[in-house]
């Protein structure tokens, strides 16, 4: 699993580059985030808008709500790997 803290750091840097401020809508964030690349594992990149398009809510009052949506996407995409890691950590 990609290091969550490092990926959050890179996500925040990409948000800064996109000049996304809060409150905002998903549509506004998508418009501002097009073509902004976020590094991922193995020297690959994905676009910021490809992450944001997976978010559920359409409106974000604050950065905290936005990051909650981001973490939800990370969790859902890596659920099995996350559960296995926790199982190894806690022996359950």
PDB file of N, CA and C in Angstrom:
ATOM      1  N   UNK A   1       0.846  -1.178   0.000  1.00  0.00           N
ATOM      2  CA  UNK A   1       0.000   0.000   0.000  1.00  0.00           C
ATOM      3  C   UNK A   1       0.891   1.241   0.000  1.00  0.00           C
ATOM      4  N   UNK A   2       0.529   2.203  -0.793  1.00  0.00           N
ATOM      5  CA  UNK A   2       1.263   3.449  -0.861  1.00  0.00           C
ATOM      6  C   UNK A   2       1.173   4.143   0.490  1.00  0.00           C
ATOM      7  N   UNK A   3       2.246   4.729   0.934  1.00  0.00           N
ATOM      8  CA  UNK A   3       2.281   5.396   2.228  1.00  0.00           C
ATOM      9  C   UNK A   3       1.222   6.502   2.289  1.00  0.00           C
ATOM     10  N   UNK A   4       0.253   6.348   3.193  1.00  0.00           N
ATOM     11  CA  UNK A   4      -0.870   7.280   3.264  1.00  0.00           C
ATOM     12  C   UNK A   4      -0.450   8.702   3.620  1.00  0.00           C
ATOM     13  N   UNK A   5       0.520   8.851   4.518  1.00  0.00           N
ATOM     14  CA  UNK A   5       0.953  10.196   4.890  1.00  0.00           C
ATOM     15  C   UNK A   5       1.639  10.891   3.728  1.00  0.00           C
ATOM     16  N   UNK A   6       2.486  10.158   3.029  1.00  0.00           N
ATOM     17  CA  UNK A   6       3.163  10.753   1.877  1.00  0.00           C
ATOM     18  C   UNK A   6       2.161  11.088   0.776  1.00  0.00           C
ATOM     19  N   UNK A   7       1.201  10.195   0.534  1.00  0.00           N
ATOM     20  CA  UNK A   7       0.214  10.464  -0.509  1.00  0.00           C
ATOM     21  C   UNK A   7      -0.645  11.672  -0.132  1.00  0.00           C
ATOM     22  N   UNK A   8      -0.959  11.842   1.157  1.00  0.00           N
ATOM     23  CA  UNK A   8      -1.724  13.016   1.592  1.00  0.00           C
ATOM     24  C   UNK A   8      -0.913  14.282   1.342  1.00  0.00           C
ATOM     25  N   UNK A   9       0.377  14.235   1.626  1.00  0.00           N
ATOM     26  CA  UNK A   9       1.256  15.383   1.385  1.00  0.00           C
ATOM     27  C   UNK A   9       1.229  15.769  -0.098  1.00  0.00           C
ATOM     28  N   UNK A  10       1.351  14.777  -0.969  1.00  0.00           N
ATOM     29  CA  UNK A  10       1.350  15.037  -2.409  1.00  0.00           C
ATOM     30  C   UNK A  10      -0.010  15.543  -2.880  1.00  0.00           C
ATOM     31  N   UNK A  11      -1.076  15.029  -2.284  1.00  0.00           N
ATOM     32  CA  UNK A  11      -2.426  15.478  -2.607  1.00  0.00           C
ATOM     33  C   UNK A  11      -2.596  16.944  -2.215  1.00  0.00           C
ATOM     34  N   UNK A  12      -2.129  17.323  -1.036  1.00  0.00           N
ATOM     35  CA  UNK A  12      -2.235  18.710  -0.578  1.00  0.00           C
ATOM     36  C   UNK A  12      -1.427  19.636  -1.481  1.00  0.00           C
ATOM     37  N   UNK A  13      -0.232  19.211  -1.887  1.00  0.00           N
ATOM     38  CA  UNK A  13       0.575  20.010  -2.812  1.00  0.00           C
ATOM     39  C   UNK A  13      -0.163  20.224  -4.130  1.00  0.00           C
ATOM     40  N   UNK A  14      -0.835  19.178  -4.617  1.00  0.00           N
ATOM     41  CA  UNK A  14      -1.586  19.293  -5.865  1.00  0.00           C
ATOM     42  C   UNK A  14      -2.787  20.231  -5.695  1.00  0.00           C
ATOM     43  N   UNK A  15      -3.450  20.190  -4.538  1.00  0.00           N
ATOM     44  CA  UNK A  15      -4.558  21.110  -4.271  1.00  0.00           C
ATOM     45  C   UNK A  15      -4.078  22.550  -4.276  1.00  0.00           C
ATOM     46  N   UNK A  16      -2.902  22.774  -3.691  1.00  0.00           N
ATOM     47  CA  UNK A  16      -2.322  24.111  -3.677  1.00  0.00           C
ATOM     48  C   UNK A  16      -2.024  24.578  -5.106  1.00  0.00           C
ATOM     49  N   UNK A  17      -1.463  23.692  -5.897  1.00  0.00           N
ATOM     50  CA  UNK A  17      -1.165  24.028  -7.299  1.00  0.00           C
ATOM     51  C   UNK A  17      -2.449  24.358  -8.060  1.00  0.00           C
ATOM     52  N   UNK A  18      -3.524  23.642  -7.764  1.00  0.00           N
ATOM     53  CA  UNK A  18      -4.814  23.872  -8.422  1.00  0.00           C
ATOM     54  C   UNK A  18      -5.524  25.107  -7.877  1.00  0.00           C
ATOM     55  N   UNK A  19      -5.032  25.638  -6.778  1.00  0.00           N
ATOM     56  CA  UNK A  19      -5.628  26.810  -6.121  1.00  0.00           C
ATOM     57  C   UNK A  19      -7.086  26.557  -5.719  1.00  0.00           C
ATOM     58  N   UNK A  20      -7.315  25.361  -5.171  1.00  0.00           N
ATOM     59  CA  UNK A  20      -8.641  25.008  -4.659  1.00  0.00           C
ATOM     60  C   UNK A  20      -8.761  25.551  -3.246  1.00  0.00           C
ATOM     61  N   UNK A  21      -9.779  26.373  -3.024  1.00  0.00           N
ATOM     62  CA  UNK A  21     -10.040  26.938  -1.702  1.00  0.00           C
ATOM     63  C   UNK A  21     -11.442  26.529  -1.265  1.00  0.00           C
ATOM     64  N   UNK A  22     -11.682  26.634   0.028  1.00  0.00           N
ATOM     65  CA  UNK A  22     -12.949  26.183   0.597  1.00  0.00           C
ATOM     66  C   UNK A  22     -13.708  27.336   1.201  1.00  0.00           C
ATOM     67  N   UNK A  23     -15.046  27.266   1.138  1.00  0.00           N
ATOM     68  CA  UNK A  23     -15.882  26.182   0.620  1.00  0.00           C
ATOM     69  C   UNK A  23     -15.780  26.087  -0.901  1.00  0.00           C
ATOM     70  N   UNK A  24     -16.071  24.889  -1.412  1.00  0.00           N
ATOM     71  CA  UNK A  24     -16.041  24.647  -2.854  1.00  0.00           C
ATOM     72  C   UNK A  24     -17.010  23.531  -3.211  1.00  0.00           C
ATOM     73  N   UNK A  25     -17.254  23.417  -4.490  1.00  0.00           N
ATOM     74  CA  UNK A  25     -18.089  22.321  -4.994  1.00  0.00           C
ATOM     75  C   UNK A  25     -17.187  21.317  -5.710  1.00  0.00           C
ATOM     76  N   UNK A  26     -17.711  20.145  -5.908  1.00  0.00           N
ATOM     77  CA  UNK A  26     -16.969  19.122  -6.640  1.00  0.00           C
ATOM     78  C   UNK A  26     -16.697  19.593  -8.068  1.00  0.00           C
ATOM     79  N   UNK A  27     -17.687  20.229  -8.692  1.00  0.00           N
ATOM     80  CA  UNK A  27     -17.534  20.720 -10.060  1.00  0.00           C
ATOM     81  C   UNK A  27     -16.408  21.742 -10.138  1.00  0.00           C
ATOM     82  N   UNK A  28     -16.372  22.678  -9.203  1.00  0.00           N
ATOM     83  CA  UNK A  28     -15.318  23.691  -9.181  1.00  0.00           C
ATOM     84  C   UNK A  28     -13.946  23.047  -8.983  1.00  0.00           C
ATOM     85  N   UNK A  29     -13.864  22.105  -8.061  1.00  0.00           N
ATOM     86  CA  UNK A  29     -12.596  21.423  -7.799  1.00  0.00           C
ATOM     87  C   UNK A  29     -12.138  20.646  -9.034  1.00  0.00           C
ATOM     88  N   UNK A  30     -13.071  20.002  -9.729  1.00  0.00           N
ATOM     89  CA  UNK A  30     -12.720  19.262 -10.945  1.00  0.00           C
ATOM     90  C   UNK A  30     -12.195  20.200 -12.028  1.00  0.00           C
ATOM     91  N   UNK A  31     -12.854  21.343 -12.193  1.00  0.00           N
ATOM     92  CA  UNK A  31     -12.422  22.306 -13.210  1.00  0.00           C
ATOM     93  C   UNK A  31     -11.009  22.814 -12.935  1.00  0.00           C
ATOM     94  N   UNK A  32     -10.721  23.108 -11.685  1.00  0.00           N
ATOM     95  CA  UNK A  32      -9.407  23.643 -11.323  1.00  0.00           C
ATOM     96  C   UNK A  32      -8.309  22.582 -11.326  1.00  0.00           C
ATOM     97  N   UNK A  33      -8.684  21.329 -11.200  1.00  0.00           N
ATOM     98  CA  UNK A  33      -7.683  20.281 -11.020  1.00  0.00           C
ATOM     99  C   UNK A  33      -7.292  19.549 -12.303  1.00  0.00           C
ATOM    100  N   UNK A  34      -7.891  19.902 -13.411  1.00  0.00           N
ATOM    101  CA  UNK A  34      -7.582  19.201 -14.661  1.00  0.00           C
ATOM    102  C   UNK A  34      -6.108  19.356 -15.024  1.00  0.00           C
ATOM    103  N   UNK A  35      -5.510  18.277 -15.454  1.00  0.00           N
ATOM    104  CA  UNK A  35      -4.118  18.236 -15.933  1.00  0.00           C
ATOM    105  C   UNK A  35      -3.060  18.432 -14.857  1.00  0.00           C
ATOM    106  N   UNK A  36      -3.455  18.483 -13.598  1.00  0.00           N
ATOM    107  CA  UNK A  36      -2.463  18.558 -12.522  1.00  0.00           C
ATOM    108  C   UNK A  36      -2.128  17.130 -12.121  1.00  0.00           C
ATOM    109  N   UNK A  37      -0.849  16.807 -12.188  1.00  0.00           N
ATOM    110  CA  UNK A  37      -0.415  15.430 -11.951  1.00  0.00           C
ATOM    111  C   UNK A  37       0.024  15.238 -10.496  1.00  0.00           C
ATOM    112  N   UNK A  38      -0.342  14.068  -9.972  1.00  0.00           N
ATOM    113  CA  UNK A  38       0.018  13.673  -8.614  1.00  0.00           C
ATOM    114  C   UNK A  38       0.872  12.408  -8.723  1.00  0.00           C
ATOM    115  N   UNK A  39       2.091  12.423  -8.148  1.00  0.00           N
ATOM    116  CA  UNK A  39       2.923  11.211  -8.204  1.00  0.00           C
ATOM    117  C   UNK A  39       2.305  10.085  -7.379  1.00  0.00           C
ATOM    118  N   UNK A  40       2.408   8.879  -7.915  1.00  0.00           N
ATOM    119  CA  UNK A  40       1.978   7.678  -7.193  1.00  0.00           C
ATOM    120  C   UNK A  40       3.111   6.673  -7.255  1.00  0.00           C
ATOM    121  N   UNK A  41       2.857   5.484  -6.809  1.00  0.00           N
ATOM    122  CA  UNK A  41       3.902   4.456  -6.749  1.00  0.00           C
ATOM    123  C   UNK A  41       4.611   4.234  -8.080  1.00  0.00           C
ATOM    124  N   UNK A  42       5.858   3.799  -7.967  1.00  0.00           N
ATOM    125  CA  UNK A  42       6.666   3.384  -9.117  1.00  0.00           C
ATOM    126  C   UNK A  42       6.832   4.468 -10.179  1.00  0.00           C
ATOM    127  N   UNK A  43       7.007   5.699  -9.726  1.00  0.00           N
ATOM    128  CA  UNK A  43       7.242   6.836 -10.633  1.00  0.00           C
ATOM    129  C   UNK A  43       6.141   7.038 -11.667  1.00  0.00           C
ATOM    130  N   UNK A  44       4.935   6.678 -11.320  1.00  0.00           N
ATOM    131  CA  UNK A  44       3.779   6.920 -12.170  1.00  0.00           C
ATOM    132  C   UNK A  44       3.019   8.124 -11.644  1.00  0.00           C
ATOM    133  N   UNK A  45       2.153   8.670 -12.470  1.00  0.00           N
ATOM    134  CA  UNK A  45       1.355   9.830 -12.098  1.00  0.00           C
ATOM    135  C   UNK A  45      -0.100   9.577 -12.440  1.00  0.00           C
ATOM    136  N   UNK A  46      -0.975  10.214 -11.673  1.00  0.00           N
ATOM    137  CA  UNK A  46      -2.389  10.270 -12.020  1.00  0.00           C
ATOM    138  C   UNK A  46      -2.789  11.733 -11.948  1.00  0.00           C
ATOM    139  N   UNK A  47      -3.876  12.091 -12.579  1.00  0.00           N
ATOM    140  CA  UNK A  47      -4.305  13.481 -12.522  1.00  0.00           C
ATOM    141  C   UNK A  47      -5.167  13.705 -11.286  1.00  0.00           C
ATOM    142  N   UNK A  48      -5.071  14.905 -10.767  1.00  0.00           N
ATOM    143  CA  UNK A  48      -5.829  15.263  -9.564  1.00  0.00           C
ATOM    144  C   UNK A  48      -7.328  15.108  -9.801  1.00  0.00           C
ATOM    145  N   UNK A  49      -7.800  15.500 -10.976  1.00  0.00           N
ATOM    146  CA  UNK A  49      -9.235  15.377 -11.246  1.00  0.00           C
ATOM    147  C   UNK A  49      -9.704  13.922 -11.266  1.00  0.00           C
ATOM    148  N   UNK A  50      -8.810  12.980 -11.612  1.00  0.00           N
ATOM    149  CA  UNK A  50      -9.201  11.567 -11.597  1.00  0.00           C
ATOM    150  C   UNK A  50      -9.421  11.059 -10.177  1.00  0.00           C
ATOM    151  N   UNK A  51      -8.798  11.716  -9.207  1.00  0.00           N
ATOM    152  CA  UNK A  51      -9.039  11.387  -7.799  1.00  0.00           C
ATOM    153  C   UNK A  51     -10.347  12.026  -7.345  1.00  0.00           C
ATOM    154  N   UNK A  52     -10.494  13.315  -7.625  1.00  0.00           N
ATOM    155  CA  UNK A  52     -11.655  14.078  -7.149  1.00  0.00           C
ATOM    156  C   UNK A  52     -12.964  13.555  -7.751  1.00  0.00           C
ATOM    157  N   UNK A  53     -12.918  13.075  -8.992  1.00  0.00           N
ATOM    158  CA  UNK A  53     -14.159  12.588  -9.610  1.00  0.00           C
ATOM    159  C   UNK A  53     -14.756  11.402  -8.861  1.00  0.00           C
ATOM    160  N   UNK A  54     -13.967  10.725  -8.031  1.00  0.00           N
ATOM    161  CA  UNK A  54     -14.456   9.581  -7.258  1.00  0.00           C
ATOM    162  C   UNK A  54     -15.108  10.001  -5.939  1.00  0.00           C
ATOM    163  N   UNK A  55     -14.994  11.271  -5.569  1.00  0.00           N
ATOM    164  CA  UNK A  55     -15.566  11.757  -4.317  1.00  0.00           C
ATOM    165  C   UNK A  55     -17.084  11.721  -4.387  1.00  0.00           C
ATOM    166  N   UNK A  56     -17.715  11.425  -3.251  1.00  0.00           N
ATOM    167  CA  UNK A  56     -19.174  11.313  -3.202  1.00  0.00           C
ATOM    168  C   UNK A  56     -19.889  12.668  -3.059  1.00  0.00           C
ATOM    169  N   UNK A  57     -19.587  13.467  -2.050  1.00  0.00           N
ATOM    170  CA  UNK A  57     -20.362  14.700  -1.901  1.00  0.00           C
ATOM    171  C   UNK A  57     -20.136  15.662  -3.070  1.00  0.00           C
ATOM    172  N   UNK A  58     -21.076  16.544  -3.263  1.00  0.00           N
ATOM    173  CA  UNK A  58     -20.975  17.549  -4.322  1.00  0.00           C
ATOM    174  C   UNK A  58     -20.542  18.912  -3.772  1.00  0.00           C
ATOM    175  N   UNK A  59     -20.508  19.050  -2.447  1.00  0.00           N
ATOM    176  CA  UNK A  59     -20.154  20.329  -1.822  1.00  0.00           C
ATOM    177  C   UNK A  59     -19.263  20.068  -0.621  1.00  0.00           C
ATOM    178  N   UNK A  60     -18.260  20.936  -0.444  1.00  0.00           N
ATOM    179  CA  UNK A  60     -17.301  20.804   0.662  1.00  0.00           C
ATOM    180  C   UNK A  60     -17.195  22.132   1.383  1.00  0.00           C
ATOM    181  N   UNK A  61     -17.692  22.153   2.601  1.00  0.00           N
ATOM    182  CA  UNK A  61     -17.653  23.369   3.415  1.00  0.00           C
ATOM    183  C   UNK A  61     -16.219  23.721   3.809  1.00  0.00           C
ATOM    184  N   UNK A  62     -15.397  22.689   4.008  1.00  0.00           N
ATOM    185  CA  UNK A  62     -14.037  22.928   4.498  1.00  0.00           C
ATOM    186  C   UNK A  62     -13.069  21.905   3.919  1.00  0.00           C
ATOM    187  N   UNK A  63     -11.798  22.168   4.132  1.00  0.00           N
ATOM    188  CA  UNK A  63     -10.769  21.217   3.733  1.00  0.00           C
ATOM    189  C   UNK A  63     -10.932  19.883   4.430  1.00  0.00           C
ATOM    190  N   UNK A  64     -11.419  19.913   5.666  1.00  0.00           N
ATOM    191  CA  UNK A  64     -11.618  18.657   6.408  1.00  0.00           C
ATOM    192  C   UNK A  64     -12.613  17.745   5.697  1.00  0.00           C
ATOM    193  N   UNK A  65     -13.695  18.309   5.194  1.00  0.00           N
ATOM    194  CA  UNK A  65     -14.689  17.510   4.460  1.00  0.00           C
ATOM    195  C   UNK A  65     -14.077  16.951   3.178  1.00  0.00           C
ATOM    196  N   UNK A  66     -13.259  17.743   2.533  1.00  0.00           N
ATOM    197  CA  UNK A  66     -12.594  17.323   1.297  1.00  0.00           C
ATOM    198  C   UNK A  66     -11.630  16.176   1.567  1.00  0.00           C
ATOM    199  N   UNK A  67     -10.855  16.292   2.641  1.00  0.00           N
ATOM    200  CA  UNK A  67      -9.890  15.246   2.978  1.00  0.00           C
ATOM    201  C   UNK A  67     -10.577  13.977   3.461  1.00  0.00           C
ATOM    202  N   UNK A  68     -11.747  14.114   4.056  1.00  0.00           N
ATOM    203  CA  UNK A  68     -12.525  12.935   4.426  1.00  0.00           C
ATOM    204  C   UNK A  68     -12.936  12.175   3.172  1.00  0.00           C
ATOM    205  N   UNK A  69     -13.358  12.899   2.148  1.00  0.00           N
ATOM    206  CA  UNK A  69     -13.714  12.261   0.880  1.00  0.00           C
ATOM    207  C   UNK A  69     -12.495  11.582   0.262  1.00  0.00           C
ATOM    208  N   UNK A  70     -11.349  12.237   0.336  1.00  0.00           N
ATOM    209  CA  UNK A  70     -10.094  11.672  -0.185  1.00  0.00           C
ATOM    210  C   UNK A  70      -9.745  10.367   0.541  1.00  0.00           C
ATOM    211  N   UNK A  71      -9.826  10.400   1.866  1.00  0.00           N
ATOM    212  CA  UNK A  71      -9.514   9.197   2.648  1.00  0.00           C
ATOM    213  C   UNK A  71     -10.499   8.071   2.365  1.00  0.00           C
ATOM    214  N   UNK A  72     -11.743   8.409   2.126  1.00  0.00           N
ATOM    215  CA  UNK A  72     -12.740   7.385   1.785  1.00  0.00           C
ATOM    216  C   UNK A  72     -12.371   6.689   0.475  1.00  0.00           C
ATOM    217  N   UNK A  73     -11.934   7.465  -0.499  1.00  0.00           N
ATOM    218  CA  UNK A  73     -11.517   6.885  -1.776  1.00  0.00           C
ATOM    219  C   UNK A  73     -10.316   5.971  -1.568  1.00  0.00           C
ATOM    220  N   UNK A  74      -9.331   6.440  -0.809  1.00  0.00           N
ATOM    221  CA  UNK A  74      -8.148   5.615  -0.541  1.00  0.00           C
ATOM    222  C   UNK A  74      -8.534   4.313   0.141  1.00  0.00           C
ATOM    223  N   UNK A  75      -9.386   4.412   1.138  1.00  0.00           N
ATOM    224  CA  UNK A  75      -9.794   3.223   1.878  1.00  0.00           C
ATOM    225  C   UNK A  75     -10.527   2.241   0.969  1.00  0.00           C
ATOM    226  N   UNK A  76     -11.489   2.732   0.207  1.00  0.00           N
ATOM    227  CA  UNK A  76     -12.277   1.840  -0.640  1.00  0.00           C
ATOM    228  C   UNK A  76     -11.428   1.177  -1.717  1.00  0.00           C
ATOM    229  N   UNK A  77     -10.470   1.919  -2.268  1.00  0.00           N
ATOM    230  CA  UNK A  77      -9.627   1.356  -3.321  1.00  0.00           C
ATOM    231  C   UNK A  77      -8.608   0.359  -2.775  1.00  0.00           C
ATOM    232  N   UNK A  78      -8.263   0.496  -1.515  1.00  0.00           N
ATOM    233  CA  UNK A  78      -7.236  -0.365  -0.926  1.00  0.00           C
ATOM    234  C   UNK A  78      -7.762  -1.176   0.246  1.00  0.00           C
ATOM    235  N   UNK A  79      -9.052  -1.424   0.283  1.00  0.00           N
ATOM    236  CA  UNK A  79      -9.698  -2.048   1.431  1.00  0.00           C
ATOM    237  C   UNK A  79      -9.082  -3.392   1.806  1.00  0.00           C
ATOM    238  N   UNK A  80      -8.942  -4.280   0.847  1.00  0.00           N
ATOM    239  CA  UNK A  80      -8.421  -5.616   1.148  1.00  0.00           C
ATOM    240  C   UNK A  80      -6.990  -5.547   1.678  1.00  0.00           C
ATOM    241  N   UNK A  81      -6.173  -4.737   1.044  1.00  0.00           N
ATOM    242  CA  UNK A  81      -4.784  -4.594   1.483  1.00  0.00           C
ATOM    243  C   UNK A  81      -4.724  -3.957   2.876  1.00  0.00           C
ATOM    244  N   UNK A  82      -5.585  -2.977   3.112  1.00  0.00           N
ATOM    245  CA  UNK A  82      -5.654  -2.307   4.408  1.00  0.00           C
ATOM    246  C   UNK A  82      -6.048  -3.296   5.505  1.00  0.00           C
ATOM    247  N   UNK A  83      -7.075  -4.106   5.238  1.00  0.00           N
ATOM    248  CA  UNK A  83      -7.531  -5.072   6.233  1.00  0.00           C
ATOM    249  C   UNK A  83      -6.458  -6.118   6.532  1.00  0.00           C
ATOM    250  N   UNK A  84      -5.747  -6.562   5.512  1.00  0.00           N
ATOM    251  CA  UNK A  84      -4.671  -7.538   5.714  1.00  0.00           C
ATOM    252  C   UNK A  84      -3.543  -6.932   6.548  1.00  0.00           C
ATOM    253  N   UNK A  85      -3.209  -5.666   6.280  1.00  0.00           N
ATOM    254  CA  UNK A  85      -2.165  -4.995   7.045  1.00  0.00           C
ATOM    255  C   UNK A  85      -2.570  -4.890   8.517  1.00  0.00           C
ATOM    256  N   UNK A  86      -3.812  -4.519   8.772  1.00  0.00           N
ATOM    257  CA  UNK A  86      -4.296  -4.405  10.155  1.00  0.00           C
ATOM    258  C   UNK A  86      -4.317  -5.770  10.836  1.00  0.00           C
ATOM    259  N   UNK A  87      -4.675  -6.781  10.094  1.00  0.00           N
ATOM    260  CA  UNK A  87      -4.690  -8.138  10.635  1.00  0.00           C
ATOM    261  C   UNK A  87      -3.282  -8.550  11.070  1.00  0.00           C
ATOM    262  N   UNK A  88      -2.291  -8.230  10.263  1.00  0.00           N
ATOM    263  CA  UNK A  88      -0.905  -8.552  10.599  1.00  0.00           C
ATOM    264  C   UNK A  88      -0.419  -7.729  11.794  1.00  0.00           C
ATOM    265  N   UNK A  89      -0.845  -6.458  11.858  1.00  0.00           N
ATOM    266  CA  UNK A  89      -0.428  -5.589  12.965  1.00  0.00           C
ATOM    267  C   UNK A  89      -1.014  -6.045  14.297  1.00  0.00           C
ATOM    268  N   UNK A  90      -2.288  -6.399  14.285  1.00  0.00           N
ATOM    269  CA  UNK A  90      -2.983  -6.680  15.533  1.00  0.00           C
ATOM    270  C   UNK A  90      -3.297  -8.152  15.745  1.00  0.00           C
ATOM    271  N   UNK A  91      -2.925  -8.985  14.780  1.00  0.00           N
ATOM    272  CA  UNK A  91      -3.106 -10.422  14.929  1.00  0.00           C
ATOM    273  C   UNK A  91      -4.543 -10.875  14.979  1.00  0.00           C
ATOM    274  N   UNK A  92      -5.425 -10.153  14.325  1.00  0.00           N
ATOM    275  CA  UNK A  92      -6.851 -10.533  14.321  1.00  0.00           C
ATOM    276  C   UNK A  92      -7.321 -10.774  12.927  1.00  0.00           C
TER     277      UNK A  92
END
